[in-house]
Amino acid sequence: MKFSRIAAILAVLALAACNTVAGVGEDITGASRLVQGGLGGGGY
């Protein structure tokens, strides 16, 4: 019983960490596209 509870908490934390990393990646992508567009590059 206690092991399954710990496993569930770890699973939730892992998913939260993945979502955070994905969010940071999107922020970096957005910023780089903004800079690229400002420099006259071929932005998407």
N, C-alpha and C. Protein backbone atom coordinates (compact mmCIF):
# COMPACT_ATOMS: atom_id res chain seq x y z
N MET A 1 0.84 -1.21 0.00
CA MET A 1 0.00 0.00 0.00
C MET A 1 0.87 1.25 0.00
N LYS A 2 1.87 1.27 0.88
CA LYS A 2 2.72 2.45 0.98
C LYS A 2 3.57 2.62 -0.28
N PHE A 3 4.03 1.49 -0.86
CA PHE A 3 4.87 1.56 -2.06
C PHE A 3 4.09 2.15 -3.24
N SER A 4 2.85 1.74 -3.39
CA SER A 4 2.06 2.24 -4.52
C SER A 4 1.79 3.74 -4.37
N ARG A 5 1.67 4.18 -3.15
CA ARG A 5 1.45 5.61 -2.91
C ARG A 5 2.69 6.41 -3.29
N ILE A 6 3.87 5.90 -2.91
CA ILE A 6 5.12 6.56 -3.27
C ILE A 6 5.31 6.56 -4.78
N ALA A 7 4.98 5.43 -5.42
CA ALA A 7 5.11 5.33 -6.87
C ALA A 7 4.19 6.34 -7.57
N ALA A 8 2.99 6.51 -7.05
CA ALA A 8 2.05 7.46 -7.64
C ALA A 8 2.56 8.90 -7.50
N ILE A 9 3.13 9.22 -6.36
CA ILE A 9 3.68 10.57 -6.14
C ILE A 9 4.85 10.82 -7.08
N LEU A 10 5.72 9.82 -7.24
CA LEU A 10 6.86 9.97 -8.13
C LEU A 10 6.40 10.13 -9.58
N ALA A 11 5.36 9.41 -9.97
CA ALA A 11 4.84 9.53 -11.33
C ALA A 11 4.30 10.94 -11.58
N VAL A 12 3.58 11.48 -10.62
CA VAL A 12 3.03 12.84 -10.76
C VAL A 12 4.16 13.86 -10.85
N LEU A 13 5.19 13.70 -10.02
CA LEU A 13 6.32 14.62 -10.04
C LEU A 13 7.07 14.53 -11.37
N ALA A 14 7.21 13.32 -11.90
CA ALA A 14 7.89 13.15 -13.19
C ALA A 14 7.11 13.84 -14.30
N LEU A 15 5.79 13.70 -14.29
CA LEU A 15 4.97 14.35 -15.32
C LEU A 15 5.05 15.87 -15.18
N ALA A 16 5.05 16.36 -13.96
CA ALA A 16 5.14 17.80 -13.74
C ALA A 16 6.48 18.33 -14.23
N ALA A 17 7.55 17.57 -13.99
CA ALA A 17 8.87 18.00 -14.45
C ALA A 17 8.93 18.02 -15.97
N CYS A 18 8.34 17.03 -16.61
CA CYS A 18 8.34 16.98 -18.08
C CYS A 18 7.57 18.17 -18.64
N ASN A 19 6.45 18.50 -18.04
CA ASN A 19 5.66 19.64 -18.51
C ASN A 19 6.43 20.94 -18.33
N THR A 20 7.18 21.04 -17.24
CA THR A 20 7.97 22.25 -17.00
C THR A 20 9.06 22.39 -18.04
N VAL A 21 9.75 21.29 -18.34
CA VAL A 21 10.82 21.32 -19.34
C VAL A 21 10.24 21.67 -20.70
N ALA A 22 9.09 21.11 -21.03
CA ALA A 22 8.45 21.40 -22.32
C ALA A 22 8.07 22.88 -22.39
N GLY A 23 7.57 23.43 -21.29
CA GLY A 23 7.18 24.84 -21.26
C GLY A 23 8.39 25.75 -21.45
N VAL A 24 9.50 25.42 -20.81
CA VAL A 24 10.71 26.22 -20.95
C VAL A 24 11.21 26.13 -22.39
N GLY A 25 11.14 24.93 -22.98
CA GLY A 25 11.56 24.77 -24.38
C GLY A 25 10.73 25.62 -25.31
N GLU A 26 9.43 25.69 -25.07
CA GLU A 26 8.56 26.52 -25.90
C GLU A 26 8.88 27.99 -25.73
N ASP A 27 9.19 28.40 -24.50
CA ASP A 27 9.55 29.80 -24.25
C ASP A 27 10.82 30.17 -25.01
N ILE A 28 11.81 29.28 -24.97
CA ILE A 28 13.07 29.53 -25.66
C ILE A 28 12.84 29.59 -27.17
N THR A 29 12.02 28.69 -27.67
CA THR A 29 11.72 28.67 -29.11
C THR A 29 11.03 29.97 -29.53
N GLY A 30 10.07 30.41 -28.73
CA GLY A 30 9.37 31.65 -29.04
C GLY A 30 10.30 32.84 -29.04
N ALA A 31 11.19 32.90 -28.05
CA ALA A 31 12.13 34.02 -27.96
C ALA A 31 13.10 34.01 -29.13
N SER A 32 13.57 32.82 -29.50
CA SER A 32 14.53 32.76 -30.61
C SER A 32 13.87 33.14 -31.92
N ARG A 33 12.61 32.78 -32.10
CA ARG A 33 11.90 33.17 -33.33
C ARG A 33 11.65 34.67 -33.36
N LEU A 34 11.39 35.25 -32.20
CA LEU A 34 11.19 36.69 -32.11
C LEU A 34 12.46 37.43 -32.49
N VAL A 35 13.60 36.96 -31.95
CA VAL A 35 14.89 37.58 -32.27
C VAL A 35 15.21 37.38 -33.74
N GLN A 36 14.95 36.18 -34.25
CA GLN A 36 15.23 35.89 -35.65
C GLN A 36 14.40 36.81 -36.56
N GLY A 37 13.14 37.02 -36.20
CA GLY A 37 12.30 37.92 -36.98
C GLY A 37 12.78 39.35 -36.90
N GLY A 38 13.27 39.76 -35.73
CA GLY A 38 13.77 41.12 -35.56
C GLY A 38 15.05 41.36 -36.35
N LEU A 39 15.83 40.33 -36.57
CA LEU A 39 17.07 40.46 -37.32
C LEU A 39 16.85 40.31 -38.83
N GLY A 40 15.61 40.08 -39.22
CA GLY A 40 15.32 39.93 -40.64
C GLY A 40 15.53 38.51 -41.13
N GLY A 41 15.63 37.58 -40.19
CA GLY A 41 15.80 36.18 -40.57
C GLY A 41 14.47 35.59 -41.02
N GLY A 42 14.53 34.40 -41.56
CA GLY A 42 13.32 33.75 -42.02
C GLY A 42 12.59 33.10 -40.88
N GLY A 43 11.82 33.84 -40.14
CA GLY A 43 11.07 33.29 -39.02
C GLY A 43 9.92 32.43 -39.48
N TYR A 44 9.45 31.58 -38.61
CA TYR A 44 8.36 30.66 -38.98
C TYR A 44 7.02 31.33 -38.77
